[in-house]
Amino acid sequence: MRVLGIETSCDETGVAIYGDDGLLAHTLYSQVALHAEYGGVVPELASRDHVRKLAPLVRQALAEADLAPADLDGVAYTAGPGLAGALLVGAGFGRSLAWSLGVPALGVHHMEGHLLAPMLEADPPAFPFVALLVSGGHTQLVEVTGVGRYRLLGGSVDDAAGEAFDKTAKLLQLGYPGGPALAALAEQGDPTRFSFPRPMTDRPGLDFSFSGLKTFALTTLQTGVKGCDEAGLRRLKADIARAFEDAVVETLAIKCRRAVEHTGVSTLVLAGGVSANKRLRARIDDLMAERGGSACYPRPVFCTDNGAMIAYAGWQRLAAGQYESLAFDIKPRWDMQTLAAI
């Protein structure tokens, strides 16, 4: 079975083809340059750019896989969560293409795609495992016992980790996208100058809260900037970036340790855009090594939004006989625990 996957949930247009022999093609277009002058994603512009780029990327993926449209056995597209307009572009295109080819189509949960992205690697994790899904819109710990068998252990009660990275980068005037820029600046920072709090780690539970860290960073900047020359301001921002990143990484690690202790599993999966953070990966590697377990994560290109993860998740479900009627639906908000198990 060969499945075309379409990802248009936010500001990346991703198309890929996954088959019984693995990933056959993967194409991606990022809208970073489009949204950079606005300092964040503009939903209407994102939707229009998906319309422009989607068909050419599908043609490119088919050419890369040396396939004709008639060789496809199914189409999977992101149905949610995400920006409504952007989701409609992928859903409408995917549904129409599937109807024209006479093949089944399926709407895929965006975060399930991220959760299953490590399965694209040569040494995929085995069930059961705990997954830390950490991105711009979500920070969740999920117990996974199979495809579609998910139990939410904890989640963000306000800003997700990626959102906090972006907001803190914005107050430091680092541009867009903020997360990678802040991580790069943190490499130059002094880890001993500031100590930021580790939110919600002084109480039981597996929920997260990162909005306070952003406020703490702002207060630190406002206090430290008084009397700073240009060089001093650069050092101040780098030291704040390092303290912020260290606080987020250590908070995530503390909650991950609690989750694997609670569930008794020996594998921790890290997925989502923030999972590309080098310091986070190193800390999670150390944590799982201390416990005699292992950490798994996708290669960086599959950490951020991409079509390959949607193609794989769709391939799993379509191969199991799951598909939907011709009428399509999008779900900008969608609880992953409601998904059917395979």
C-alpha atoms as a PDB file:
ATOM      1  CA  MET A   1       0.000   0.000   0.000  1.00  0.00           C
ATOM      2  CA  ARG A   2       1.271   3.466  -0.939  1.00  0.00           C
ATOM      3  CA  VAL A   3      -0.183   6.441   0.947  1.00  0.00           C
ATOM      4  CA  LEU A   4       0.219  10.119   0.112  1.00  0.00           C
ATOM      5  CA  GLY A   5       0.477  12.259   3.242  1.00  0.00           C
ATOM      6  CA  ILE A   6      -0.416  15.977   3.336  1.00  0.00           C
ATOM      7  CA  GLU A   7       0.467  18.322   6.210  1.00  0.00           C
ATOM      8  CA  THR A   8      -0.953  21.879   6.225  1.00  0.00           C
ATOM      9  CA  SER A   9      -1.803  22.520   9.867  1.00  0.00           C
ATOM     10  CA  CYS A  10       0.198  25.741  10.277  1.00  0.00           C
ATOM     11  CA  ASP A  11       3.130  27.289   8.400  1.00  0.00           C
ATOM     12  CA  GLU A  12       4.751  24.309   6.655  1.00  0.00           C
ATOM     13  CA  THR A  13       3.426  22.585   3.564  1.00  0.00           C
ATOM     14  CA  GLY A  14       4.570  18.980   3.736  1.00  0.00           C
ATOM     15  CA  VAL A  15       3.927  16.144   1.277  1.00  0.00           C
ATOM     16  CA  ALA A  16       5.297  12.609   1.481  1.00  0.00           C
ATOM     17  CA  ILE A  17       4.586   9.095   0.242  1.00  0.00           C
ATOM     18  CA  TYR A  18       4.905   6.088   2.531  1.00  0.00           C
ATOM     19  CA  GLY A  19       4.605   2.508   1.356  1.00  0.00           C
ATOM     20  CA  ASP A  20       5.074  -1.045   2.568  1.00  0.00           C
ATOM     21  CA  ASP A  21       8.820  -0.678   1.917  1.00  0.00           C
ATOM     22  CA  GLY A  22       9.155   2.558   3.892  1.00  0.00           C
ATOM     23  CA  LEU A  23       9.353   6.251   3.051  1.00  0.00           C
ATOM     24  CA  LEU A  24       9.354   6.719  -0.723  1.00  0.00           C
ATOM     25  CA  ALA A  25       9.346  10.518  -0.989  1.00  0.00           C
ATOM     26  CA  HIS A  26       9.404  13.559   1.259  1.00  0.00           C
ATOM     27  CA  THR A  27       9.003  17.213   0.226  1.00  0.00           C
ATOM     28  CA  LEU A  28       8.577  20.279   2.404  1.00  0.00           C
ATOM     29  CA  TYR A  29       8.082  24.016   1.966  1.00  0.00           C
ATOM     30  CA  SER A  30       8.495  26.329   4.964  1.00  0.00           C
ATOM     31  CA  GLN A  31       6.704  29.675   5.213  1.00  0.00           C
ATOM     32  CA  VAL A  32       9.227  31.144   7.668  1.00  0.00           C
ATOM     33  CA  ALA A  33      10.295  33.924   5.295  1.00  0.00           C
ATOM     34  CA  LEU A  34       6.649  34.814   4.580  1.00  0.00           C
ATOM     35  CA  HIS A  35       5.762  35.331   8.250  1.00  0.00           C
ATOM     36  CA  ALA A  36       9.102  36.714   9.489  1.00  0.00           C
ATOM     37  CA  GLU A  37       8.220  40.377   8.900  1.00  0.00           C
ATOM     38  CA  TYR A  38       5.106  39.962  11.077  1.00  0.00           C
ATOM     39  CA  GLY A  39       6.937  38.236  13.932  1.00  0.00           C
ATOM     40  CA  GLY A  40       4.590  35.251  13.853  1.00  0.00           C
ATOM     41  CA  VAL A  41       2.196  33.206  11.750  1.00  0.00           C
ATOM     42  CA  VAL A  42      -0.571  35.129   9.961  1.00  0.00           C
ATOM     43  CA  PRO A  43      -3.323  32.512   9.446  1.00  0.00           C
ATOM     44  CA  GLU A  44      -4.805  33.959   6.245  1.00  0.00           C
ATOM     45  CA  LEU A  45      -1.392  34.251   4.593  1.00  0.00           C
ATOM     46  CA  ALA A  46      -0.559  30.706   5.681  1.00  0.00           C
ATOM     47  CA  SER A  47      -3.733  29.332   4.080  1.00  0.00           C
ATOM     48  CA  ARG A  48      -3.146  31.144   0.793  1.00  0.00           C
ATOM     49  CA  ASP A  49       0.443  29.933   0.599  1.00  0.00           C
ATOM     50  CA  HIS A  50      -0.666  26.330   1.162  1.00  0.00           C
ATOM     51  CA  VAL A  51      -2.984  26.732  -1.826  1.00  0.00           C
ATOM     52  CA  ARG A  52      -0.077  27.896  -3.992  1.00  0.00           C
ATOM     53  CA  LYS A  53       2.434  25.281  -2.909  1.00  0.00           C
ATOM     54  CA  LEU A  54       0.445  22.078  -2.331  1.00  0.00           C
ATOM     55  CA  ALA A  55      -0.139  20.875  -5.908  1.00  0.00           C
ATOM     56  CA  PRO A  56       3.485  21.472  -7.025  1.00  0.00           C
ATOM     57  CA  LEU A  57       4.758  19.611  -3.950  1.00  0.00           C
ATOM     58  CA  VAL A  58       2.480  16.640  -4.687  1.00  0.00           C
ATOM     59  CA  ARG A  59       3.841  16.490  -8.222  1.00  0.00           C
ATOM     60  CA  GLN A  60       7.379  16.721  -6.849  1.00  0.00           C
ATOM     61  CA  ALA A  61       6.786  13.871  -4.376  1.00  0.00           C
ATOM     62  CA  LEU A  62       5.302  11.634  -7.072  1.00  0.00           C
ATOM     63  CA  ALA A  63       8.290  12.316  -9.321  1.00  0.00           C
ATOM     64  CA  GLU A  64      10.725  11.596  -6.478  1.00  0.00           C
ATOM     65  CA  ALA A  65       9.018   8.256  -5.827  1.00  0.00           C
ATOM     66  CA  ASP A  66       8.780   7.554  -9.573  1.00  0.00           C
ATOM     67  CA  LEU A  67       5.031   7.057  -9.262  1.00  0.00           C
ATOM     68  CA  ALA A  68       1.938   8.199 -11.141  1.00  0.00           C
ATOM     69  CA  PRO A  69      -1.163   9.382  -9.253  1.00  0.00           C
ATOM     70  CA  ALA A  70      -2.885   6.120 -10.204  1.00  0.00           C
ATOM     71  CA  ASP A  71      -0.208   4.221  -8.238  1.00  0.00           C
ATOM     72  CA  LEU A  72      -1.459   5.662  -4.943  1.00  0.00           C
ATOM     73  CA  ASP A  73      -3.623   3.433  -2.744  1.00  0.00           C
ATOM     74  CA  GLY A  74      -4.773   6.070  -0.266  1.00  0.00           C
ATOM     75  CA  VAL A  75      -4.485   9.687   0.853  1.00  0.00           C
ATOM     76  CA  ALA A  76      -3.953  10.944   4.405  1.00  0.00           C
ATOM     77  CA  TYR A  77      -4.151  14.592   5.425  1.00  0.00           C
ATOM     78  CA  THR A  78      -3.916  16.502   8.683  1.00  0.00           C
ATOM     79  CA  ALA A  79      -7.451  17.136   9.947  1.00  0.00           C
ATOM     80  CA  GLY A  80      -6.416  18.810  13.211  1.00  0.00           C
ATOM     81  CA  PRO A  81      -5.411  20.293  15.533  1.00  0.00           C
ATOM     82  CA  GLY A  82      -4.245  23.418  13.738  1.00  0.00           C
ATOM     83  CA  LEU A  83      -5.334  26.617  12.010  1.00  0.00           C
ATOM     84  CA  ALA A  84      -8.792  26.118  10.529  1.00  0.00           C
ATOM     85  CA  GLY A  85      -8.085  27.746   7.169  1.00  0.00           C
ATOM     86  CA  ALA A  86      -4.804  25.912   6.712  1.00  0.00           C
ATOM     87  CA  LEU A  87      -6.406  22.579   7.623  1.00  0.00           C
ATOM     88  CA  LEU A  88      -9.187  23.160   5.083  1.00  0.00           C
ATOM     89  CA  VAL A  89      -6.652  23.507   2.272  1.00  0.00           C
ATOM     90  CA  GLY A  90      -5.079  20.125   2.948  1.00  0.00           C
ATOM     91  CA  ALA A  91      -8.382  18.421   3.681  1.00  0.00           C
ATOM     92  CA  GLY A  92     -10.064  19.734   0.545  1.00  0.00           C
ATOM     93  CA  PHE A  93      -7.133  18.835  -1.683  1.00  0.00           C
ATOM     94  CA  GLY A  94      -6.644  15.405  -0.122  1.00  0.00           C
ATOM     95  CA  ARG A  95     -10.335  14.481  -0.237  1.00  0.00           C
ATOM     96  CA  SER A  96     -10.694  15.627  -3.857  1.00  0.00           C
ATOM     97  CA  LEU A  97      -7.594  13.758  -4.981  1.00  0.00           C
ATOM     98  CA  ALA A  98      -8.722  10.557  -3.263  1.00  0.00           C
ATOM     99  CA  TRP A  99     -12.183  10.825  -4.844  1.00  0.00           C
ATOM    100  CA  SER A 100     -10.713  11.378  -8.310  1.00  0.00           C
ATOM    101  CA  LEU A 101      -8.488   8.312  -7.929  1.00  0.00           C
ATOM    102  CA  GLY A 102     -11.157   6.134  -6.347  1.00  0.00           C
ATOM    103  CA  VAL A 103      -9.029   5.411  -3.262  1.00  0.00           C
ATOM    104  CA  PRO A 104      -9.804   5.819   0.460  1.00  0.00           C
ATOM    105  CA  ALA A 105      -8.832   8.933   2.389  1.00  0.00           C
ATOM    106  CA  LEU A 106      -8.349   9.618   6.068  1.00  0.00           C
ATOM    107  CA  GLY A 107      -7.947  12.665   8.294  1.00  0.00           C
ATOM    108  CA  VAL A 108      -4.949  12.252  10.617  1.00  0.00           C
ATOM    109  CA  HIS A 109      -4.415  13.764  14.062  1.00  0.00           C
ATOM    110  CA  HIS A 110      -1.433  16.114  13.863  1.00  0.00           C
ATOM    111  CA  MET A 111      -0.029  15.140  17.257  1.00  0.00           C
ATOM    112  CA  GLU A 112      -0.395  11.427  16.489  1.00  0.00           C
ATOM    113  CA  GLY A 113       1.785  12.130  13.485  1.00  0.00           C
ATOM    114  CA  HIS A 114       4.438  13.671  15.743  1.00  0.00           C
ATOM    115  CA  LEU A 115       4.124  10.825  18.250  1.00  0.00           C
ATOM    116  CA  LEU A 116       4.708   8.209  15.535  1.00  0.00           C
ATOM    117  CA  ALA A 117       7.491  10.139  13.741  1.00  0.00           C
ATOM    118  CA  PRO A 118      10.265   8.112  15.477  1.00  0.00           C
ATOM    119  CA  MET A 119       8.828   5.052  13.685  1.00  0.00           C
ATOM    120  CA  LEU A 120      10.324   6.491  10.486  1.00  0.00           C
ATOM    121  CA  GLU A 121      13.822   5.782  11.789  1.00  0.00           C
ATOM    122  CA  ALA A 122      15.876   2.624  11.224  1.00  0.00           C
ATOM    123  CA  ASP A 123      15.614   1.622  14.910  1.00  0.00           C
ATOM    124  CA  PRO A 124      12.045   2.532  15.929  1.00  0.00           C
ATOM    125  CA  PRO A 125      10.863   2.277  19.540  1.00  0.00           C
ATOM    126  CA  ALA A 126       8.766  -0.701  20.612  1.00  0.00           C
ATOM    127  CA  PHE A 127       5.498  -0.374  22.521  1.00  0.00           C
ATOM    128  CA  PRO A 128       4.877   0.450  25.313  1.00  0.00           C
ATOM    129  CA  PHE A 129       6.606   3.779  25.851  1.00  0.00           C
ATOM    130  CA  VAL A 130       6.037   7.254  27.250  1.00  0.00           C
ATOM    131  CA  ALA A 131       6.047  10.089  24.726  1.00  0.00           C
ATOM    132  CA  LEU A 132       6.896  13.708  25.457  1.00  0.00           C
ATOM    133  CA  LEU A 133       5.190  15.744  22.740  1.00  0.00           C
ATOM    134  CA  VAL A 134       6.721  19.178  22.896  1.00  0.00           C
ATOM    135  CA  SER A 135       5.975  21.794  20.244  1.00  0.00           C
ATOM    136  CA  GLY A 136       4.765  25.343  19.731  1.00  0.00           C
ATOM    137  CA  GLY A 137       1.186  24.479  20.614  1.00  0.00           C
ATOM    138  CA  HIS A 138       1.460  21.394  22.813  1.00  0.00           C
ATOM    139  CA  THR A 139       3.416  20.022  25.732  1.00  0.00           C
ATOM    140  CA  GLN A 140       2.075  16.603  26.694  1.00  0.00           C
ATOM    141  CA  LEU A 141       3.204  13.401  28.342  1.00  0.00           C
ATOM    142  CA  VAL A 142       1.397  10.405  26.878  1.00  0.00           C
ATOM    143  CA  GLU A 143       1.509   6.719  27.764  1.00  0.00           C
ATOM    144  CA  VAL A 144       1.484   4.753  24.501  1.00  0.00           C
ATOM    145  CA  THR A 145       0.678   1.031  24.370  1.00  0.00           C
ATOM    146  CA  GLY A 146      -0.067   0.852  20.630  1.00  0.00           C
ATOM    147  CA  VAL A 147      -1.235   2.921  17.666  1.00  0.00           C
ATOM    148  CA  GLY A 148      -4.359   4.704  18.854  1.00  0.00           C
ATOM    149  CA  ARG A 149      -3.867   3.484  22.426  1.00  0.00           C
ATOM    150  CA  TYR A 150      -3.001   6.687  24.233  1.00  0.00           C
ATOM    151  CA  ARG A 151      -3.425   7.845  27.824  1.00  0.00           C
ATOM    152  CA  LEU A 152      -2.710  11.479  28.621  1.00  0.00           C
ATOM    153  CA  LEU A 153      -0.548  11.720  31.742  1.00  0.00           C
ATOM    154  CA  GLY A 154      -0.090  15.485  31.805  1.00  0.00           C
ATOM    155  CA  GLY A 155      -0.175  18.602  29.662  1.00  0.00           C
ATOM    156  CA  SER A 156       0.392  22.345  29.625  1.00  0.00           C
ATOM    157  CA  VAL A 157      -2.097  24.418  31.576  1.00  0.00           C
ATOM    158  CA  ASP A 158      -1.075  27.634  29.787  1.00  0.00           C
ATOM    159  CA  ASP A 159       1.807  28.279  27.369  1.00  0.00           C
ATOM    160  CA  ALA A 160       3.369  25.231  25.751  1.00  0.00           C
ATOM    161  CA  ALA A 161       7.168  24.982  25.893  1.00  0.00           C
ATOM    162  CA  GLY A 162       7.604  25.972  22.245  1.00  0.00           C
ATOM    163  CA  GLU A 163       5.243  28.904  22.661  1.00  0.00           C
ATOM    164  CA  ALA A 164       7.221  30.080  25.682  1.00  0.00           C
ATOM    165  CA  PHE A 165      10.456  29.807  23.662  1.00  0.00           C
ATOM    166  CA  ASP A 166       8.970  31.956  20.897  1.00  0.00           C
ATOM    167  CA  LYS A 167       7.538  34.578  23.255  1.00  0.00           C
ATOM    168  CA  THR A 168      10.758  34.878  25.225  1.00  0.00           C
ATOM    169  CA  ALA A 169      12.740  35.182  21.994  1.00  0.00           C
ATOM    170  CA  LYS A 170      10.404  37.974  20.922  1.00  0.00           C
ATOM    171  CA  LEU A 171      10.948  39.985  24.109  1.00  0.00           C
ATOM    172  CA  LEU A 172      14.713  39.517  23.568  1.00  0.00           C
ATOM    173  CA  GLN A 173      14.186  40.843  20.006  1.00  0.00           C
ATOM    174  CA  LEU A 174      15.637  37.726  18.376  1.00  0.00           C
ATOM    175  CA  GLY A 175      13.285  37.638  15.397  1.00  0.00           C
ATOM    176  CA  TYR A 176      11.186  34.807  13.981  1.00  0.00           C
ATOM    177  CA  PRO A 177      11.202  31.853  14.359  1.00  0.00           C
ATOM    178  CA  GLY A 178      12.177  32.518  17.933  1.00  0.00           C
ATOM    179  CA  GLY A 179      12.842  29.069  19.392  1.00  0.00           C
ATOM    180  CA  PRO A 180      15.913  28.152  17.313  1.00  0.00           C
ATOM    181  CA  ALA A 181      17.263  31.721  17.642  1.00  0.00           C
ATOM    182  CA  LEU A 182      16.982  31.605  21.437  1.00  0.00           C
ATOM    183  CA  ALA A 183      18.686  28.193  21.575  1.00  0.00           C
ATOM    184  CA  ALA A 184      21.538  29.519  19.429  1.00  0.00           C
ATOM    185  CA  LEU A 185      21.962  32.583  21.651  1.00  0.00           C
ATOM    186  CA  ALA A 186      21.887  30.390  24.777  1.00  0.00           C
ATOM    187  CA  GLU A 187      25.077  28.693  23.556  1.00  0.00           C
ATOM    188  CA  GLN A 188      26.886  31.975  24.277  1.00  0.00           C
ATOM    189  CA  GLY A 189      25.300  32.487  27.703  1.00  0.00           C
ATOM    190  CA  ASP A 190      26.765  32.063  31.191  1.00  0.00           C
ATOM    191  CA  PRO A 191      24.790  29.260  32.917  1.00  0.00           C
ATOM    192  CA  THR A 192      25.721  30.552  36.386  1.00  0.00           C
ATOM    193  CA  ARG A 193      24.597  34.182  36.126  1.00  0.00           C
ATOM    194  CA  PHE A 194      20.832  33.672  36.537  1.00  0.00           C
ATOM    195  CA  SER A 195      18.720  30.927  38.067  1.00  0.00           C
ATOM    196  CA  PHE A 196      15.165  30.678  36.724  1.00  0.00           C
ATOM    197  CA  PRO A 197      12.426  28.692  38.513  1.00  0.00           C
ATOM    198  CA  ARG A 198      11.404  25.175  37.470  1.00  0.00           C
ATOM    199  CA  PRO A 199       7.618  25.698  37.377  1.00  0.00           C
ATOM    200  CA  MET A 200       5.245  23.146  38.930  1.00  0.00           C
ATOM    201  CA  THR A 201       8.065  20.801  39.941  1.00  0.00           C
ATOM    202  CA  ASP A 202       7.565  21.493  43.664  1.00  0.00           C
ATOM    203  CA  ARG A 203       4.227  19.671  43.662  1.00  0.00           C
ATOM    204  CA  PRO A 204       2.982  16.251  42.552  1.00  0.00           C
ATOM    205  CA  GLY A 205       1.643  15.700  39.047  1.00  0.00           C
ATOM    206  CA  LEU A 206       2.715  15.785  35.438  1.00  0.00           C
ATOM    207  CA  ASP A 207       1.214  19.040  34.180  1.00  0.00           C
ATOM    208  CA  PHE A 208       3.308  21.921  32.830  1.00  0.00           C
ATOM    209  CA  SER A 209       3.165  25.719  33.061  1.00  0.00           C
ATOM    210  CA  PHE A 210       5.648  27.914  31.194  1.00  0.00           C
ATOM    211  CA  SER A 211       3.937  31.320  31.076  1.00  0.00           C
ATOM    212  CA  GLY A 212       5.610  32.366  34.330  1.00  0.00           C
ATOM    213  CA  LEU A 213       9.073  31.742  32.894  1.00  0.00           C
ATOM    214  CA  LYS A 214       8.404  34.263  30.157  1.00  0.00           C
ATOM    215  CA  THR A 215       7.423  36.847  32.792  1.00  0.00           C
ATOM    216  CA  PHE A 216      10.508  35.992  34.851  1.00  0.00           C
ATOM    217  CA  ALA A 217      12.689  36.534  31.777  1.00  0.00           C
ATOM    218  CA  LEU A 218      11.038  39.911  31.112  1.00  0.00           C
ATOM    219  CA  THR A 219      11.571  41.071  34.694  1.00  0.00           C
ATOM    220  CA  THR A 220      15.206  39.942  34.591  1.00  0.00           C
ATOM    221  CA  LEU A 221      15.736  41.842  31.341  1.00  0.00           C
ATOM    222  CA  GLN A 222      14.103  45.026  32.621  1.00  0.00           C
ATOM    223  CA  THR A 223      16.190  44.932  35.801  1.00  0.00           C
ATOM    224  CA  GLY A 224      19.481  44.070  34.135  1.00  0.00           C
ATOM    225  CA  VAL A 225      19.273  46.474  31.201  1.00  0.00           C
ATOM    226  CA  LYS A 226      19.684  49.564  33.409  1.00  0.00           C
ATOM    227  CA  GLY A 227      23.090  51.051  32.781  1.00  0.00           C
ATOM    228  CA  CYS A 228      24.063  48.448  30.165  1.00  0.00           C
ATOM    229  CA  ASP A 229      26.171  49.417  27.200  1.00  0.00           C
ATOM    230  CA  GLU A 230      25.716  47.607  23.870  1.00  0.00           C
ATOM    231  CA  ALA A 231      28.145  44.808  24.715  1.00  0.00           C
ATOM    232  CA  GLY A 232      26.618  44.405  28.151  1.00  0.00           C
ATOM    233  CA  LEU A 233      23.132  44.141  26.643  1.00  0.00           C
ATOM    234  CA  ARG A 234      24.297  41.375  24.315  1.00  0.00           C
ATOM    235  CA  ARG A 235      25.766  39.457  27.266  1.00  0.00           C
ATOM    236  CA  LEU A 236      22.612  40.032  29.306  1.00  0.00           C
ATOM    237  CA  LYS A 237      20.374  38.634  26.577  1.00  0.00           C
ATOM    238  CA  ALA A 238      22.616  35.604  26.071  1.00  0.00           C
ATOM    239  CA  ASP A 239      22.653  34.864  29.803  1.00  0.00           C
ATOM    240  CA  ILE A 240      18.854  35.197  30.020  1.00  0.00           C
ATOM    241  CA  ALA A 241      18.463  32.885  27.032  1.00  0.00           C
ATOM    242  CA  ARG A 242      20.687  30.283  28.706  1.00  0.00           C
ATOM    243  CA  ALA A 243      18.876  30.496  32.032  1.00  0.00           C
ATOM    244  CA  PHE A 244      15.508  30.237  30.298  1.00  0.00           C
ATOM    245  CA  GLU A 245      16.529  27.234  28.201  1.00  0.00           C
ATOM    246  CA  ASP A 246      18.056  25.466  31.200  1.00  0.00           C
ATOM    247  CA  ALA A 247      14.837  25.987  33.181  1.00  0.00           C
ATOM    248  CA  VAL A 248      12.623  24.590  30.417  1.00  0.00           C
ATOM    249  CA  VAL A 249      14.907  21.605  29.791  1.00  0.00           C
ATOM    250  CA  GLU A 250      15.217  20.709  33.462  1.00  0.00           C
ATOM    251  CA  THR A 251      11.463  21.105  34.033  1.00  0.00           C
ATOM    252  CA  LEU A 252      10.718  18.757  31.137  1.00  0.00           C
ATOM    253  CA  ALA A 253      13.310  16.269  32.405  1.00  0.00           C
ATOM    254  CA  ILE A 254      11.871  16.257  35.939  1.00  0.00           C
ATOM    255  CA  LYS A 255       8.376  15.552  34.628  1.00  0.00           C
ATOM    256  CA  CYS A 256       9.694  12.873  32.239  1.00  0.00           C
ATOM    257  CA  ARG A 257      11.412  11.106  35.120  1.00  0.00           C
ATOM    258  CA  ARG A 258       8.159  11.105  37.068  1.00  0.00           C
ATOM    259  CA  ALA A 259       6.264   9.750  34.053  1.00  0.00           C
ATOM    260  CA  VAL A 260       8.583   6.795  33.411  1.00  0.00           C
ATOM    261  CA  GLU A 261       8.668   6.001  37.135  1.00  0.00           C
ATOM    262  CA  HIS A 262       4.869   6.115  37.270  1.00  0.00           C
ATOM    263  CA  THR A 263       4.356   3.876  34.240  1.00  0.00           C
ATOM    264  CA  GLY A 264       7.359   1.603  34.704  1.00  0.00           C
ATOM    265  CA  VAL A 265       8.332   1.771  31.019  1.00  0.00           C
ATOM    266  CA  SER A 266      11.954   1.751  29.855  1.00  0.00           C
ATOM    267  CA  THR A 267      11.579   3.835  26.671  1.00  0.00           C
ATOM    268  CA  LEU A 268      10.912   7.545  26.351  1.00  0.00           C
ATOM    269  CA  VAL A 269      10.017   9.038  22.973  1.00  0.00           C
ATOM    270  CA  LEU A 270      10.686  12.705  22.324  1.00  0.00           C
ATOM    271  CA  ALA A 271       8.758  14.318  19.443  1.00  0.00           C
ATOM    272  CA  GLY A 272       7.595  17.707  18.174  1.00  0.00           C
ATOM    273  CA  GLY A 273       9.496  20.811  17.120  1.00  0.00           C
ATOM    274  CA  VAL A 274      11.194  21.442  20.483  1.00  0.00           C
ATOM    275  CA  SER A 275      12.516  17.861  20.485  1.00  0.00           C
ATOM    276  CA  ALA A 276      15.192  19.092  18.044  1.00  0.00           C
ATOM    277  CA  ASN A 277      16.723  21.141  20.878  1.00  0.00           C
ATOM    278  CA  LYS A 278      20.233  19.741  21.473  1.00  0.00           C
ATOM    279  CA  ARG A 279      20.333  20.471  25.196  1.00  0.00           C
ATOM    280  CA  LEU A 280      16.965  18.797  25.743  1.00  0.00           C
ATOM    281  CA  ARG A 281      18.063  15.685  23.838  1.00  0.00           C
ATOM    282  CA  ALA A 282      21.284  15.432  25.843  1.00  0.00           C
ATOM    283  CA  ARG A 283      19.420  15.798  29.146  1.00  0.00           C
ATOM    284  CA  ILE A 284      16.840  13.155  28.230  1.00  0.00           C
ATOM    285  CA  ASP A 285      19.593  10.802  27.036  1.00  0.00           C
ATOM    286  CA  ASP A 286      21.312  11.173  30.419  1.00  0.00           C
ATOM    287  CA  LEU A 287      18.046  10.674  32.290  1.00  0.00           C
ATOM    288  CA  MET A 288      17.170   7.436  30.512  1.00  0.00           C
ATOM    289  CA  ALA A 289      20.748   6.132  30.700  1.00  0.00           C
ATOM    290  CA  GLU A 290      20.647   6.626  34.480  1.00  0.00           C
ATOM    291  CA  ARG A 291      17.522   4.463  34.572  1.00  0.00           C
ATOM    292  CA  GLY A 292      18.919   1.788  32.274  1.00  0.00           C
ATOM    293  CA  GLY A 293      16.407   2.700  29.559  1.00  0.00           C
ATOM    294  CA  SER A 294      16.556   4.433  26.213  1.00  0.00           C
ATOM    295  CA  ALA A 295      15.405   7.642  24.553  1.00  0.00           C
ATOM    296  CA  CYS A 296      14.145   7.765  20.961  1.00  0.00           C
ATOM    297  CA  TYR A 297      13.470  10.720  18.709  1.00  0.00           C
ATOM    298  CA  PRO A 298      13.187  11.425  15.000  1.00  0.00           C
ATOM    299  CA  ARG A 299      15.880  13.134  12.965  1.00  0.00           C
ATOM    300  CA  PRO A 300      15.551  16.962  13.112  1.00  0.00           C
ATOM    301  CA  VAL A 301      13.730  17.272   9.759  1.00  0.00           C
ATOM    302  CA  PHE A 302      10.941  15.056  11.135  1.00  0.00           C
ATOM    303  CA  CYS A 303      10.714  16.923  14.476  1.00  0.00           C
ATOM    304  CA  THR A 304       9.022  19.938  12.927  1.00  0.00           C
ATOM    305  CA  ASP A 305       5.792  19.645  10.914  1.00  0.00           C
ATOM    306  CA  ASN A 306       6.206  17.392   7.873  1.00  0.00           C
ATOM    307  CA  GLY A 307       4.269  15.200   5.487  1.00  0.00           C
ATOM    308  CA  ALA A 308       6.199  12.012   6.276  1.00  0.00           C
ATOM    309  CA  MET A 309       4.695  11.635   9.736  1.00  0.00           C
ATOM    310  CA  ILE A 310       1.192  12.116   8.316  1.00  0.00           C
ATOM    311  CA  ALA A 311       1.832   9.606   5.530  1.00  0.00           C
ATOM    312  CA  TYR A 312       3.064   7.041   8.067  1.00  0.00           C
ATOM    313  CA  ALA A 313       0.162   7.550  10.496  1.00  0.00           C
ATOM    314  CA  GLY A 314      -2.298   7.392   7.586  1.00  0.00           C
ATOM    315  CA  TRP A 315      -0.609   4.248   6.215  1.00  0.00           C
ATOM    316  CA  GLN A 316      -1.015   2.545   9.585  1.00  0.00           C
ATOM    317  CA  ARG A 317      -4.721   3.309   9.775  1.00  0.00           C
ATOM    318  CA  LEU A 318      -5.620   2.771   6.120  1.00  0.00           C
ATOM    319  CA  ALA A 319      -3.788  -0.568   6.145  1.00  0.00           C
ATOM    320  CA  ALA A 320      -5.938  -1.510   9.139  1.00  0.00           C
ATOM    321  CA  GLY A 321      -9.085  -0.757   7.123  1.00  0.00           C
ATOM    322  CA  GLN A 322      -9.907   2.605   8.681  1.00  0.00           C
ATOM    323  CA  TYR A 323     -11.161   5.310   6.326  1.00  0.00           C
ATOM    324  CA  GLU A 324     -13.875   7.934   6.186  1.00  0.00           C
ATOM    325  CA  SER A 325     -16.787   8.939   3.991  1.00  0.00           C
ATOM    326  CA  LEU A 326     -16.437  11.478   1.165  1.00  0.00           C
ATOM    327  CA  ALA A 327     -17.626  14.266   3.458  1.00  0.00           C
ATOM    328  CA  PHE A 328     -14.559  15.751   5.167  1.00  0.00           C
ATOM    329  CA  ASP A 329     -14.296  17.420   8.516  1.00  0.00           C
ATOM    330  CA  ILE A 330     -11.536  19.379  10.220  1.00  0.00           C
ATOM    331  CA  LYS A 331     -10.974  19.615  13.958  1.00  0.00           C
ATOM    332  CA  PRO A 332      -8.925  22.668  15.023  1.00  0.00           C
ATOM    333  CA  ARG A 333      -9.199  21.238  18.556  1.00  0.00           C
ATOM    334  CA  TRP A 334      -9.028  17.465  18.879  1.00  0.00           C
ATOM    335  CA  ASP A 335      -8.373  15.210  21.880  1.00  0.00           C
ATOM    336  CA  MET A 336      -5.945  12.480  20.815  1.00  0.00           C
ATOM    337  CA  GLN A 337      -7.422  10.088  23.393  1.00  0.00           C
ATOM    338  CA  THR A 338     -10.613   9.880  21.289  1.00  0.00           C
ATOM    339  CA  LEU A 339      -8.797   8.198  18.381  1.00  0.00           C
ATOM    340  CA  ALA A 340      -9.709   4.638  17.478  1.00  0.00           C
ATOM    341  CA  ALA A 341      -7.146   1.985  18.316  1.00  0.00           C
ATOM    342  CA  ILE A 342      -5.625  -0.347  15.743  1.00  0.00           C
END
